[in-house]
């Protein structure tokens, strides 16, 4: 499995004057887990992605956190649109 560093998330929390610990509390996670995500050692679960996106509306997208999931969801939407056309 491929992991990627979450530089956009790191930038946003710094711009807001938050720490990684603040982010962990905000999204109901732990500081070590958030550190692992931002450093690219683990991938965020879909549920955690949802909570992070909700905490930063318009600033963080699924593509920022999990481009693999964003591509899958985009493809599903395309297939559904084609089936309904």
Protein backbone atom coordinates (compact mmCIF):
# COMPACT_ATOMS: atom_id res chain seq x y z
CA UNK A 1 0.00 0.00 0.00
CA UNK A 2 1.19 3.48 -0.86
CA UNK A 3 1.18 6.33 1.64
CA UNK A 4 1.71 10.00 0.93
CA UNK A 5 2.74 12.94 3.05
CA UNK A 6 -0.18 15.25 3.83
CA UNK A 7 1.55 18.57 3.23
CA UNK A 8 -1.71 20.42 2.45
CA UNK A 9 -3.23 19.38 5.78
CA UNK A 10 -0.06 20.39 7.59
CA UNK A 11 -0.15 23.81 5.88
CA UNK A 12 -3.79 24.41 6.77
CA UNK A 13 -3.41 23.59 10.44
CA UNK A 14 -0.34 25.84 10.66
CA UNK A 15 -2.17 28.68 8.87
CA UNK A 16 -4.95 28.41 11.42
CA UNK A 17 -2.45 28.49 14.28
CA UNK A 18 -3.30 24.94 15.34
CA UNK A 19 -1.03 22.16 16.45
CA UNK A 20 -1.25 18.54 15.43
CA UNK A 21 -2.57 17.86 18.91
CA UNK A 22 -5.33 20.45 18.34
CA UNK A 23 -6.24 18.69 15.10
CA UNK A 24 -6.34 15.32 16.82
CA UNK A 25 -8.74 16.63 19.47
CA UNK A 26 -10.84 18.41 16.84
CA UNK A 27 -11.37 15.26 14.76
CA UNK A 28 -11.46 12.70 17.57
CA UNK A 29 -8.12 11.08 16.90
CA UNK A 30 -4.75 10.89 18.65
CA UNK A 31 -1.67 13.04 18.17
CA UNK A 32 0.59 10.08 17.27
CA UNK A 33 -1.89 8.93 14.61
CA UNK A 34 -2.17 12.45 13.14
CA UNK A 35 1.64 12.67 13.10
CA UNK A 36 1.82 9.37 11.20
CA UNK A 37 -0.75 10.60 8.66
CA UNK A 38 0.96 13.92 8.02
CA UNK A 39 4.39 12.28 7.73
CA UNK A 40 3.03 9.76 5.22
CA UNK A 41 3.47 6.69 7.39
CA UNK A 42 -0.25 5.75 7.32
CA UNK A 43 -3.38 6.53 5.35
CA UNK A 44 -6.42 8.11 6.96
CA UNK A 45 -9.53 5.96 7.09
CA UNK A 46 -12.52 7.15 5.05
CA UNK A 47 -14.26 8.05 8.31
CA UNK A 48 -11.35 10.18 9.52
CA UNK A 49 -11.13 11.85 6.11
CA UNK A 50 -14.78 12.80 6.50
CA UNK A 51 -14.15 14.35 9.93
CA UNK A 52 -11.07 16.27 8.73
CA UNK A 53 -12.91 17.62 5.68
CA UNK A 54 -15.82 18.69 7.90
CA UNK A 55 -13.40 20.49 10.24
CA UNK A 56 -11.88 22.48 7.34
CA UNK A 57 -14.69 23.07 4.83
CA UNK A 58 -13.39 24.43 1.55
CA UNK A 59 -9.77 24.09 2.66
CA UNK A 60 -9.19 20.34 2.60
CA UNK A 61 -10.62 17.89 0.09
CA UNK A 62 -10.67 14.13 -0.16
CA UNK A 63 -8.10 14.44 -2.94
CA UNK A 64 -5.76 16.19 -0.47
CA UNK A 65 -6.09 13.35 2.01
CA UNK A 66 -6.67 10.22 -0.08
CA UNK A 67 -6.35 10.74 -3.85
CA UNK A 68 -6.93 7.01 -4.32
CA UNK A 69 -10.38 7.25 -2.72
CA UNK A 70 -11.18 10.49 -4.53
CA UNK A 71 -10.48 8.78 -7.87
CA UNK A 72 -12.69 5.82 -6.96
CA UNK A 73 -15.59 8.04 -5.87
CA UNK A 74 -15.24 10.15 -9.00
CA UNK A 75 -15.39 7.05 -11.19
CA UNK A 76 -18.48 5.77 -9.34
CA UNK A 77 -20.22 9.10 -9.91
CA UNK A 78 -19.35 8.95 -13.62
CA UNK A 79 -20.76 5.43 -13.91
CA UNK A 80 -23.93 6.38 -12.04
CA UNK A 81 -24.43 9.43 -14.24
CA UNK A 82 -23.97 7.32 -17.39
CA UNK A 83 -26.42 4.70 -16.09
CA UNK A 84 -29.04 7.38 -15.37
CA UNK A 85 -28.63 9.15 -18.72
